[in-house]
PDB file of all heavy atoms in Angstrom:
ATOM      1  N   ILE A   1      99.746 119.616 100.240  1.00  0.00           N
ATOM      2  CA  ILE A   1      99.619 118.378 100.965  1.00  0.00           C
ATOM      3  C   ILE A   1      98.579 117.489 100.291  1.00  0.00           C
ATOM      4  O   ILE A   1      98.795 116.275 100.128  1.00  0.00           O
ATOM      5  CB  ILE A   1      99.236 118.615 102.448  1.00  0.00           C
ATOM      6  CG1 ILE A   1     100.420 119.249 103.167  1.00  0.00           C
ATOM      7  CG2 ILE A   1      98.815 117.373 103.173  1.00  0.00           C
ATOM      8  CD1 ILE A   1     100.125 119.763 104.546  1.00  0.00           C
ATOM      9  N   ARG A   2      97.465 118.049  99.858  1.00  0.00           N
ATOM     10  CA  ARG A   2      96.413 117.264  99.209  1.00  0.00           C
ATOM     11  C   ARG A   2      96.940 116.689  97.901  1.00  0.00           C
ATOM     12  O   ARG A   2      96.681 115.538  97.572  1.00  0.00           O
ATOM     13  CB  ARG A   2      95.180 118.138  98.908  1.00  0.00           C
ATOM     14  CG  ARG A   2      94.392 118.560 100.092  1.00  0.00           C
ATOM     15  CD  ARG A   2      93.574 117.476 100.604  1.00  0.00           C
ATOM     16  NE  ARG A   2      92.631 117.023  99.621  1.00  0.00           N
ATOM     17  CZ  ARG A   2      91.472 116.472  99.880  1.00  0.00           C
ATOM     18  NH1 ARG A   2      91.137 116.269 101.090  1.00  0.00           N
ATOM     19  NH2 ARG A   2      90.727 116.045  98.920  1.00  0.00           N
ATOM     20  N   THR A   3      97.722 117.490  97.161  1.00  0.00           N
ATOM     21  CA  THR A   3      98.279 117.007  95.894  1.00  0.00           C
ATOM     22  C   THR A   3      99.284 115.872  96.148  1.00  0.00           C
ATOM     23  O   THR A   3      99.249 114.857  95.438  1.00  0.00           O
ATOM     24  CB  THR A   3      98.994 118.175  95.179  1.00  0.00           C
ATOM     25  OG1 THR A   3      98.046 119.216  94.993  1.00  0.00           O
ATOM     26  CG2 THR A   3      99.531 117.721  93.837  1.00  0.00           C
ATOM     27  N   THR A   4     100.096 116.030  97.173  1.00  0.00           N
ATOM     28  CA  THR A   4     101.091 114.988  97.523  1.00  0.00           C
ATOM     29  C   THR A   4     100.362 113.693  97.915  1.00  0.00           C
ATOM     30  O   THR A   4     100.743 112.591  97.506  1.00  0.00           O
ATOM     31  CB  THR A   4     102.002 115.471  98.640  1.00  0.00           C
ATOM     32  OG1 THR A   4     102.645 116.667  98.216  1.00  0.00           O
ATOM     33  CG2 THR A   4     103.034 114.425  98.975  1.00  0.00           C
ATOM     34  N   LEU A   5      99.337 113.855  98.750  1.00  0.00           N
ATOM     35  CA  LEU A   5      98.544 112.668  99.144  1.00  0.00           C
ATOM     36  C   LEU A   5      97.889 111.966  97.968  1.00  0.00           C
ATOM     37  O   LEU A   5      97.837 110.733  97.910  1.00  0.00           O
ATOM     38  CB  LEU A   5      97.514 113.068 100.200  1.00  0.00           C
ATOM     39  CG  LEU A   5      98.029 113.356 101.582  1.00  0.00           C
ATOM     40  CD1 LEU A   5      96.890 113.870 102.469  1.00  0.00           C
ATOM     41  CD2 LEU A   5      98.674 112.143 102.213  1.00  0.00           C
ATOM     42  N   GLU A   6      97.415 112.782  97.028  1.00  0.00           N
ATOM     43  CA  GLU A   6      96.823 112.172  95.835  1.00  0.00           C
ATOM     44  C   GLU A   6      97.851 111.394  94.999  1.00  0.00           C
ATOM     45  O   GLU A   6      97.548 110.317  94.501  1.00  0.00           O
ATOM     46  CB  GLU A   6      96.156 113.260  94.983  1.00  0.00           C
ATOM     47  CG  GLU A   6      95.279 112.717  93.888  1.00  0.00           C
ATOM     48  CD  GLU A   6      94.119 111.841  94.385  1.00  0.00           C
ATOM     49  OE1 GLU A   6      93.579 112.130  95.432  1.00  0.00           O
ATOM     50  OE2 GLU A   6      93.838 110.808  93.702  1.00  0.00           O
ATOM     51  N   HIS A   7      99.055 111.941  94.887  1.00  0.00           N
ATOM     52  CA  HIS A   7     100.111 111.240  94.191  1.00  0.00           C
ATOM     53  C   HIS A   7     100.472 109.941  94.920  1.00  0.00           C
ATOM     54  O   HIS A   7     100.668 108.878  94.288  1.00  0.00           O
ATOM     55  CB  HIS A   7     101.398 112.094  94.085  1.00  0.00           C
ATOM     56  CG  HIS A   7     101.252 113.240  93.119  1.00  0.00           C
ATOM     57  ND1 HIS A   7     100.967 113.060  91.800  1.00  0.00           N
ATOM     58  CD2 HIS A   7     101.381 114.580  93.307  1.00  0.00           C
ATOM     59  CE1 HIS A   7     100.920 114.223  91.186  1.00  0.00           C
ATOM     60  NE2 HIS A   7     101.175 115.190  92.100  1.00  0.00           N
ATOM     61  N   ILE A   8     100.532 109.991  96.222  1.00  0.00           N
ATOM     62  CA  ILE A   8     100.821 108.789  97.006  1.00  0.00           C
ATOM     63  C   ILE A   8      99.722 107.764  96.813  1.00  0.00           C
ATOM     64  O   ILE A   8     100.010 106.571  96.659  1.00  0.00           O
ATOM     65  CB  ILE A   8     101.008 109.171  98.511  1.00  0.00           C
ATOM     66  CG1 ILE A   8     102.298 109.975  98.667  1.00  0.00           C
ATOM     67  CG2 ILE A   8     101.038 107.907  99.363  1.00  0.00           C
ATOM     68  CD1 ILE A   8     102.477 110.564 100.038  1.00  0.00           C
ATOM     69  N   ARG A   9      98.476 108.202  96.846  1.00  0.00           N
ATOM     70  CA  ARG A   9      97.352 107.284  96.617  1.00  0.00           C
ATOM     71  C   ARG A   9      97.446 106.605  95.276  1.00  0.00           C
ATOM     72  O   ARG A   9      97.217 105.399  95.150  1.00  0.00           O
ATOM     73  CB  ARG A   9      96.017 108.046  96.735  1.00  0.00           C
ATOM     74  CG  ARG A   9      95.220 107.660  97.903  1.00  0.00           C
ATOM     75  CD  ARG A   9      93.867 108.320  97.914  1.00  0.00           C
ATOM     76  NE  ARG A   9      93.783 109.093  99.165  1.00  0.00           N
ATOM     77  CZ  ARG A   9      93.714 110.420  99.231  1.00  0.00           C
ATOM     78  NH1 ARG A   9      93.695 111.137  98.143  1.00  0.00           N
ATOM     79  NH2 ARG A   9      93.669 111.009 100.381  1.00  0.00           N
ATOM     80  N   THR A  10      97.774 107.381  94.241  1.00  0.00           N
ATOM     81  CA  THR A  10      97.908 106.828  92.932  1.00  0.00           C
ATOM     82  C   THR A  10      99.017 105.783  92.852  1.00  0.00           C
ATOM     83  O   THR A  10      98.873 104.700  92.252  1.00  0.00           O
ATOM     84  CB  THR A  10      98.201 107.972  91.896  1.00  0.00           C
ATOM     85  OG1 THR A  10      97.153 108.929  91.987  1.00  0.00           O
ATOM     86  CG2 THR A  10      98.295 107.448  90.503  1.00  0.00           C
ATOM     87  N   LYS A  11     100.156 106.094  93.463  1.00  0.00           N
ATOM     88  CA  LYS A  11     101.272 105.157  93.475  1.00  0.00           C
ATOM     89  C   LYS A  11     100.898 103.900  94.264  1.00  0.00           C
ATOM     90  O   LYS A  11     101.293 102.784  93.881  1.00  0.00           O
ATOM     91  CB  LYS A  11     102.494 105.799  94.051  1.00  0.00           C
ATOM     92  CG  LYS A  11     103.098 106.842  93.110  1.00  0.00           C
ATOM     93  CD  LYS A  11     104.337 107.512  93.726  1.00  0.00           C
ATOM     94  CE  LYS A  11     104.846 108.536  92.738  1.00  0.00           C
ATOM     95  NZ  LYS A  11     106.023 109.223  93.268  1.00  0.00           N
ATOM     96  N   LEU A  12     100.185 104.051  95.386  1.00  0.00           N
ATOM     97  CA  LEU A  12      99.780 102.868  96.163  1.00  0.00           C
ATOM     98  C   LEU A  12      98.829 101.980  95.357  1.00  0.00           C
ATOM     99  O   LEU A  12      98.923 100.769  95.435  1.00  0.00           O
ATOM    100  CB  LEU A  12      99.103 103.334  97.474  1.00  0.00           C
ATOM    101  CG  LEU A  12     100.041 103.745  98.570  1.00  0.00           C
ATOM    102  CD1 LEU A  12      99.249 104.271  99.759  1.00  0.00           C
ATOM    103  CD2 LEU A  12     100.910 102.610  99.021  1.00  0.00           C
ATOM    104  N   GLU A  13      97.954 102.581  94.581  1.00  0.00           N
ATOM    105  CA  GLU A  13      97.040 101.785  93.747  1.00  0.00           C
ATOM    106  C   GLU A  13      97.812 101.015  92.723  1.00  0.00           C
ATOM    107  O   GLU A  13      97.534  99.833  92.441  1.00  0.00           O
ATOM    108  CB  GLU A  13      96.003 102.698  93.097  1.00  0.00           C
ATOM    109  CG  GLU A  13      94.969 103.243  94.036  1.00  0.00           C
ATOM    110  CD  GLU A  13      94.072 104.271  93.383  1.00  0.00           C
ATOM    111  OE1 GLU A  13      94.287 104.601  92.187  1.00  0.00           O
ATOM    112  OE2 GLU A  13      93.164 104.735  94.077  1.00  0.00           O
ATOM    113  N   ALA A  14      98.855 101.611  92.159  1.00  0.00           N
ATOM    114  CA  ALA A  14      99.671 100.928  91.162  1.00  0.00           C
ATOM    115  C   ALA A  14     100.450  99.762  91.808  1.00  0.00           C
ATOM    116  O   ALA A  14     100.538  98.681  91.254  1.00  0.00           O
ATOM    117  CB  ALA A  14     100.649 101.909  90.525  1.00  0.00           C
ATOM    118  N   VAL A  15     100.917  99.979  93.038  1.00  0.00           N
ATOM    119  CA  VAL A  15     101.620  98.939  93.754  1.00  0.00           C
ATOM    120  C   VAL A  15     100.658  97.810  94.110  1.00  0.00           C
ATOM    121  O   VAL A  15     101.000  96.626  93.966  1.00  0.00           O
ATOM    122  CB  VAL A  15     102.307  99.487  95.037  1.00  0.00           C
ATOM    123  CG1 VAL A  15     102.783  98.400  95.947  1.00  0.00           C
ATOM    124  CG2 VAL A  15     103.442 100.416  94.667  1.00  0.00           C
ATOM    125  N   GLU A  16      99.481  98.151  94.551  1.00  0.00           N
ATOM    126  CA  GLU A  16      98.464  97.140  94.866  1.00  0.00           C
ATOM    127  C   GLU A  16      98.124  96.279  93.635  1.00  0.00           C
ATOM    128  O   GLU A  16      97.990  95.073  93.699  1.00  0.00           O
ATOM    129  CB  GLU A  16      97.188  97.775  95.400  1.00  0.00           C
ATOM    130  CG  GLU A  16      97.352  98.284  96.835  1.00  0.00           C
ATOM    131  CD  GLU A  16      96.138  99.049  97.331  1.00  0.00           C
ATOM    132  OE1 GLU A  16      95.241  99.367  96.485  1.00  0.00           O
ATOM    133  OE2 GLU A  16      96.078  99.313  98.518  1.00  0.00           O
ATOM    134  N   ASP A  17      97.981  96.935  92.473  1.00  0.00           N
ATOM    135  CA  ASP A  17      97.702  96.196  91.239  1.00  0.00           C
ATOM    136  C   ASP A  17      98.847  95.255  90.886  1.00  0.00           C
ATOM    137  O   ASP A  17      98.643  94.096  90.490  1.00  0.00           O
ATOM    138  CB  ASP A  17      97.473  97.165  90.070  1.00  0.00           C
ATOM    139  CG  ASP A  17      96.169  97.940  90.223  1.00  0.00           C
ATOM    140  OD1 ASP A  17      95.316  97.510  91.012  1.00  0.00           O
ATOM    141  OD2 ASP A  17      96.037  98.986  89.560  1.00  0.00           O
ATOM    142  N   THR A  18     100.074  95.736  91.094  1.00  0.00           N
ATOM    143  CA  THR A  18     101.254  94.892  90.788  1.00  0.00           C
ATOM    144  C   THR A  18     101.298  93.693  91.717  1.00  0.00           C
ATOM    145  O   THR A  18     101.568  92.571  91.314  1.00  0.00           O
ATOM    146  CB  THR A  18     102.530  95.711  90.914  1.00  0.00           C
ATOM    147  OG1 THR A  18     102.464  96.831  90.018  1.00  0.00           O
ATOM    148  CG2 THR A  18     103.761  94.879  90.612  1.00  0.00           C
ATOM    149  N   VAL A  19     101.087  93.958  93.010  1.00  0.00           N
ATOM    150  CA  VAL A  19     101.117  92.861  94.005  1.00  0.00           C
ATOM    151  C   VAL A  19     100.008  91.851  93.762  1.00  0.00           C
ATOM    152  O   VAL A  19     100.190  90.665  93.938  1.00  0.00           O
ATOM    153  CB  VAL A  19     101.018  93.465  95.460  1.00  0.00           C
ATOM    154  CG1 VAL A  19     100.799  92.386  96.475  1.00  0.00           C
ATOM    155  CG2 VAL A  19     102.288  94.217  95.754  1.00  0.00           C
ATOM    156  N   ALA A  20      98.854  92.322  93.273  1.00  0.00           N
ATOM    157  CA  ALA A  20      97.767  91.398  92.989  1.00  0.00           C
ATOM    158  C   ALA A  20      98.075  90.456  91.869  1.00  0.00           C
ATOM    159  O   ALA A  20      97.574  89.343  91.789  1.00  0.00           O
ATOM    160  CB  ALA A  20      96.498  92.211  92.649  1.00  0.00           C
ATOM    161  N   THR A  21      98.959  90.847  90.923  1.00  0.00           N
ATOM    162  CA  THR A  21      99.284  89.990  89.796  1.00  0.00           C
ATOM    163  C   THR A  21     100.432  89.045  90.125  1.00  0.00           C
ATOM    164  O   THR A  21     100.717  88.140  89.359  1.00  0.00           O
ATOM    165  CB  THR A  21      99.668  90.823  88.585  1.00  0.00           C
ATOM    166  OG1 THR A  21     100.839  91.601  88.894  1.00  0.00           O
ATOM    167  CG2 THR A  21      98.571  91.710  88.104  1.00  0.00           C
ATOM    168  N   LEU A  22     101.078  89.201  91.291  1.00  0.00           N
ATOM    169  CA  LEU A  22     102.210  88.361  91.629  1.00  0.00           C
ATOM    170  C   LEU A  22     101.873  86.871  91.848  1.00  0.00           C
ATOM    171  O   LEU A  22     102.541  85.995  91.321  1.00  0.00           O
ATOM    172  CB  LEU A  22     102.955  88.915  92.831  1.00  0.00           C
ATOM    173  CG  LEU A  22     103.785  90.165  92.563  1.00  0.00           C
ATOM    174  CD1 LEU A  22     104.442  90.641  93.846  1.00  0.00           C
ATOM    175  CD2 LEU A  22     104.839  89.917  91.514  1.00  0.00           C
ATOM    176  N   PRO A  23     100.850  86.528  92.624  1.00  0.00           N
ATOM    177  CA  PRO A  23     100.551  85.105  92.859  1.00  0.00           C
ATOM    178  C   PRO A  23     100.300  84.305  91.589  1.00  0.00           C
ATOM    179  O   PRO A  23     100.874  83.245  91.421  1.00  0.00           O
ATOM    180  CB  PRO A  23      99.354  85.114  93.814  1.00  0.00           C
ATOM    181  CG  PRO A  23      99.494  86.402  94.534  1.00  0.00           C
ATOM    182  CD  PRO A  23     100.018  87.357  93.530  1.00  0.00           C
ATOM    183  N   PRO A  24      99.458  84.770  90.655  1.00  0.00           N
ATOM    184  CA  PRO A  24      99.295  84.027  89.411  1.00  0.00           C
ATOM    185  C   PRO A  24     100.561  83.878  88.618  1.00  0.00           C
ATOM    186  O   PRO A  24     100.884  82.820  88.080  1.00  0.00           O
ATOM    187  CB  PRO A  24      98.238  84.820  88.631  1.00  0.00           C
ATOM    188  CG  PRO A  24      97.533  85.658  89.602  1.00  0.00           C
ATOM    189  CD  PRO A  24      98.513  85.924  90.694  1.00  0.00           C
ATOM    190  N   ALA A  25     101.363  84.951  88.596  1.00  0.00           N
ATOM    191  CA  ALA A  25     102.638  84.887  87.852  1.00  0.00           C
ATOM    192  C   ALA A  25     103.586  83.900  88.522  1.00  0.00           C
ATOM    193  O   ALA A  25     104.332  83.181  87.856  1.00  0.00           O
ATOM    194  CB  ALA A  25     103.265  86.276  87.777  1.00  0.00           C
ATOM    195  N   LEU A  26     103.567  83.849  89.824  1.00  0.00           N
ATOM    196  CA  LEU A  26     104.414  82.903  90.565  1.00  0.00           C
ATOM    197  C   LEU A  26     103.983  81.479  90.296  1.00  0.00           C
ATOM    198  O   LEU A  26     104.849  80.613  90.085  1.00  0.00           O
ATOM    199  CB  LEU A  26     104.374  83.219  92.052  1.00  0.00           C
ATOM    200  CG  LEU A  26     105.258  82.373  92.965  1.00  0.00           C
ATOM    201  CD1 LEU A  26     106.711  82.536  92.583  1.00  0.00           C
ATOM    202  CD2 LEU A  26     105.041  82.746  94.418  1.00  0.00           C
ATOM    203  N   ARG A  27     102.683  81.227  90.244  1.00  0.00           N
ATOM    204  CA  ARG A  27     102.219  79.878  89.929  1.00  0.00           C
ATOM    205  C   ARG A  27     102.649  79.484  88.497  1.00  0.00           C
ATOM    206  O   ARG A  27     103.101  78.360  88.295  1.00  0.00           O
ATOM    207  CB  ARG A  27     100.678  79.813  90.047  1.00  0.00           C
ATOM    208  CG  ARG A  27     100.223  79.649  91.464  1.00  0.00           C
ATOM    209  CD  ARG A  27      98.735  79.297  91.495  1.00  0.00           C
ATOM    210  NE  ARG A  27      97.892  80.349  91.006  1.00  0.00           N
ATOM    211  CZ  ARG A  27      97.391  81.356  91.723  1.00  0.00           C
ATOM    212  NH1 ARG A  27      97.703  81.445  93.023  1.00  0.00           N
ATOM    213  NH2 ARG A  27      96.634  82.276  91.173  1.00  0.00           N
ATOM    214  N   GLU A  28     102.547  80.403  87.557  1.00  0.00           N
ATOM    215  CA  GLU A  28     102.976  80.094  86.194  1.00  0.00           C
ATOM    216  C   GLU A  28     104.471  79.845  86.120  1.00  0.00           C
ATOM    217  O   GLU A  28     104.913  78.933  85.416  1.00  0.00           O
ATOM    218  CB  GLU A  28     102.589  81.278  85.275  1.00  0.00           C
ATOM    219  CG  GLU A  28     101.124  81.450  85.024  1.00  0.00           C
ATOM    220  CD  GLU A  28     100.795  82.645  84.160  1.00  0.00           C
ATOM    221  OE1 GLU A  28     101.721  83.180  83.530  1.00  0.00           O
ATOM    222  OE2 GLU A  28      99.638  83.043  84.165  1.00  0.00           O
ATOM    223  N   LEU A  29     105.234  80.619  86.897  1.00  0.00           N
ATOM    224  CA  LEU A  29     106.669  80.444  86.908  1.00  0.00           C
ATOM    225  C   LEU A  29     107.016  79.081  87.496  1.00  0.00           C
ATOM    226  O   LEU A  29     107.886  78.363  86.962  1.00  0.00           O
ATOM    227  CB  LEU A  29     107.308  81.533  87.720  1.00  0.00           C
ATOM    228  CG  LEU A  29     108.847  81.521  87.803  1.00  0.00           C
ATOM    229  CD1 LEU A  29     109.477  81.673  86.429  1.00  0.00           C
ATOM    230  CD2 LEU A  29     109.333  82.633  88.729  1.00  0.00           C
ATOM    231  N   ARG A  30     106.374  78.696  88.591  1.00  0.00           N
ATOM    232  CA  ARG A  30     106.640  77.382  89.185  1.00  0.00           C
ATOM    233  C   ARG A  30     106.276  76.248  88.252  1.00  0.00           C
ATOM    234  O   ARG A  30     106.977  75.252  88.157  1.00  0.00           O
ATOM    235  CB  ARG A  30     105.880  77.273  90.520  1.00  0.00           C
ATOM    236  CG  ARG A  30     106.503  78.062  91.601  1.00  0.00           C
ATOM    237  CD  ARG A  30     105.764  77.867  92.930  1.00  0.00           C
ATOM    238  NE  ARG A  30     106.432  78.651  93.970  1.00  0.00           N
ATOM    239  CZ  ARG A  30     105.880  78.922  95.123  1.00  0.00           C
ATOM    240  NH1 ARG A  30     104.618  78.505  95.369  1.00  0.00           N
ATOM    241  NH2 ARG A  30     106.515  79.622  96.032  1.00  0.00           N
ATOM    242  N   ALA A  31     105.165  76.403  87.520  1.00  0.00           N
ATOM    243  CA  ALA A  31     104.755  75.359  86.560  1.00  0.00           C
ATOM    244  C   ALA A  31     105.798  75.265  85.460  1.00  0.00           C
ATOM    245  O   ALA A  31     106.161  74.168  85.036  1.00  0.00           O
ATOM    246  CB  ALA A  31     103.384  75.683  85.986  1.00  0.00           C
ATOM    247  N   GLY A  32     106.298  76.404  85.003  1.00  0.00           N
ATOM    248  CA  GLY A  32     107.305  76.409  83.961  1.00  0.00           C
ATOM    249  C   GLY A  32     108.614  75.753  84.436  1.00  0.00           C
ATOM    250  O   GLY A  32     109.272  75.016  83.671  1.00  0.00           O
ATOM    251  N   ILE A  33     108.969  76.057  85.660  1.00  0.00           N
ATOM    252  CA  ILE A  33     110.199  75.439  86.234  1.00  0.00           C
ATOM    253  C   ILE A  33     110.042  73.922  86.338  1.00  0.00           C
ATOM    254  O   ILE A  33     110.952  73.156  85.975  1.00  0.00           O
ATOM    255  CB  ILE A  33     110.510  76.074  87.624  1.00  0.00           C
ATOM    256  CG1 ILE A  33     110.992  77.483  87.429  1.00  0.00           C
ATOM    257  CG2 ILE A  33     111.546  75.253  88.380  1.00  0.00           C
ATOM    258  CD1 ILE A  33     111.100  78.270  88.713  1.00  0.00           C
ATOM    259  N   GLU A  34     108.889  73.490  86.782  1.00  0.00           N
ATOM    260  CA  GLU A  34     108.634  72.048  86.906  1.00  0.00           C
ATOM    261  C   GLU A  34     108.674  71.381  85.536  1.00  0.00           C
ATOM    262  O   GLU A  34     109.240  70.274  85.370  1.00  0.00           O
ATOM    263  CB  GLU A  34     107.322  71.758  87.598  1.00  0.00           C
ATOM    264  CG  GLU A  34     107.095  70.335  87.969  1.00  0.00           C
ATOM    265  CD  GLU A  34     108.162  69.771  88.907  1.00  0.00           C
ATOM    266  OE1 GLU A  34     108.647  70.535  89.779  1.00  0.00           O
ATOM    267  OE2 GLU A  34     108.468  68.607  88.804  1.00  0.00           O
ATOM    268  N   GLN A  35     108.098  72.056  84.526  1.00  0.00           N
ATOM    269  CA  GLN A  35     108.129  71.528  83.156  1.00  0.00           C
ATOM    270  C   GLN A  35     109.555  71.400  82.655  1.00  0.00           C
ATOM    271  O   GLN A  35     109.934  70.394  82.076  1.00  0.00           O
ATOM    272  CB  GLN A  35     107.300  72.434  82.214  1.00  0.00           C
ATOM    273  CG  GLN A  35     107.313  72.009  80.813  1.00  0.00           C
ATOM    274  CD  GLN A  35     106.475  70.818  80.545  1.00  0.00           C
ATOM    275  OE1 GLN A  35     105.513  70.543  81.261  1.00  0.00           O
ATOM    276  NE2 GLN A  35     106.818  70.074  79.539  1.00  0.00           N
ATOM    277  N   ASN A  36     110.353  72.433  82.919  1.00  0.00           N
ATOM    278  CA  ASN A  36     111.762  72.391  82.517  1.00  0.00           C
ATOM    279  C   ASN A  36     112.512  71.273  83.191  1.00  0.00           C
ATOM    280  O   ASN A  36     113.350  70.603  82.592  1.00  0.00           O
ATOM    281  CB  ASN A  36     112.431  73.718  82.746  1.00  0.00           C
ATOM    282  CG  ASN A  36     112.001  74.805  81.806  1.00  0.00           C
ATOM    283  OD1 ASN A  36     111.422  74.507  80.769  1.00  0.00           O
ATOM    284  ND2 ASN A  36     112.263  76.045  82.122  1.00  0.00           N
ATOM    285  N   ARG A  37     112.259  71.068  84.485  1.00  0.00           N
ATOM    286  CA  ARG A  37     112.928  69.981  85.204  1.00  0.00           C
ATOM    287  C   ARG A  37     112.566  68.624  84.620  1.00  0.00           C
ATOM    288  O   ARG A  37     113.443  67.739  84.515  1.00  0.00           O
ATOM    289  CB  ARG A  37     112.523  70.032  86.676  1.00  0.00           C
ATOM    290  CG  ARG A  37     113.215  71.129  87.454  1.00  0.00           C
ATOM    291  CD  ARG A  37     112.831  71.115  88.900  1.00  0.00           C
ATOM    292  NE  ARG A  37     113.486  72.200  89.620  1.00  0.00           N
ATOM    293  CZ  ARG A  37     113.142  72.619  90.783  1.00  0.00           C
ATOM    294  NH1 ARG A  37     112.110  72.081  91.428  1.00  0.00           N
ATOM    295  NH2 ARG A  37     113.790  73.579  91.370  1.00  0.00           N
ATOM    296  N   CYS A  38     111.314  68.453  84.271  1.00  0.00           N
ATOM    297  CA  CYS A  38     110.879  67.170  83.645  1.00  0.00           C
ATOM    298  C   CYS A  38     111.596  66.982  82.321  1.00  0.00           C
ATOM    299  O   CYS A  38     112.030  65.859  81.974  1.00  0.00           O
ATOM    300  CB  CYS A  38     109.383  67.145  83.487  1.00  0.00           C
ATOM    301  SG  CYS A  38     108.462  66.995  85.040  1.00  0.00           S
ATOM    302  N   GLU A  39     111.643  68.034  81.530  1.00  0.00           N
ATOM    303  CA  GLU A  39     112.285  67.926  80.206  1.00  0.00           C
ATOM    304  C   GLU A  39     113.795  67.649  80.332  1.00  0.00           C
ATOM    305  O   GLU A  39     114.349  66.851  79.566  1.00  0.00           O
ATOM    306  CB  GLU A  39     112.036  69.191  79.405  1.00  0.00           C
ATOM    307  CG  GLU A  39     110.606  69.354  78.978  1.00  0.00           C
ATOM    308  CD  GLU A  39     110.308  70.677  78.262  1.00  0.00           C
ATOM    309  OE1 GLU A  39     111.251  71.470  78.073  1.00  0.00           O
ATOM    310  OE2 GLU A  39     109.150  70.884  77.897  1.00  0.00           O
ATOM    311  N   ILE A  40     114.421  68.277  81.313  1.00  0.00           N
ATOM    312  CA  ILE A  40     115.856  68.025  81.511  1.00  0.00           C
ATOM    313  C   ILE A  40     116.092  66.598  81.971  1.00  0.00           C
ATOM    314  O   ILE A  40     117.007  65.922  81.509  1.00  0.00           O
ATOM    315  CB  ILE A  40     116.423  69.033  82.517  1.00  0.00           C
ATOM    316  CG1 ILE A  40     116.510  70.418  81.893  1.00  0.00           C
ATOM    317  CG2 ILE A  40     117.781  68.619  83.051  1.00  0.00           C
ATOM    318  CD1 ILE A  40     116.832  71.515  82.906  1.00  0.00           C
ATOM    319  N   SER A  41     115.215  66.096  82.864  1.00  0.00           N
ATOM    320  CA  SER A  41     115.336  64.735  83.294  1.00  0.00           C
ATOM    321  C   SER A  41     115.152  63.735  82.151  1.00  0.00           C
ATOM    322  O   SER A  41     115.906  62.769  82.016  1.00  0.00           O
ATOM    323  CB  SER A  41     114.297  64.461  84.394  1.00  0.00           C
ATOM    324  OG  SER A  41     114.333  63.149  84.808  1.00  0.00           O
ATOM    325  N   ALA A  42     114.185  64.011  81.295  1.00  0.00           N
ATOM    326  CA  ALA A  42     113.960  63.126  80.135  1.00  0.00           C
ATOM    327  C   ALA A  42     115.188  63.178  79.195  1.00  0.00           C
ATOM    328  O   ALA A  42     115.567  62.178  78.657  1.00  0.00           O
ATOM    329  CB  ALA A  42     112.687  63.578  79.405  1.00  0.00           C
ATOM    330  N   LEU A  43     115.735  64.363  79.015  1.00  0.00           N
ATOM    331  CA  LEU A  43     116.875  64.503  78.142  1.00  0.00           C
ATOM    332  C   LEU A  43     118.083  63.742  78.720  1.00  0.00           C
ATOM    333  O   LEU A  43     118.805  63.086  77.959  1.00  0.00           O
ATOM    334  CB  LEU A  43     117.226  65.975  77.978  1.00  0.00           C
ATOM    335  CG  LEU A  43     118.333  66.335  77.032  1.00  0.00           C
ATOM    336  CD1 LEU A  43     118.002  65.890  75.597  1.00  0.00           C
ATOM    337  CD2 LEU A  43     118.613  67.797  77.052  1.00  0.00           C
TER     338      LEU A  43
END
């Protein structure tokens, strides 16, 4: 049980790290989308 809980804790930490990186990545994606829209409009 302790080993299983430790594995779960490790996986949760990895998920937390991944979720923490999502908002900055989403902002960058939105900025890229807006840039592409502007370039398409200019074209």
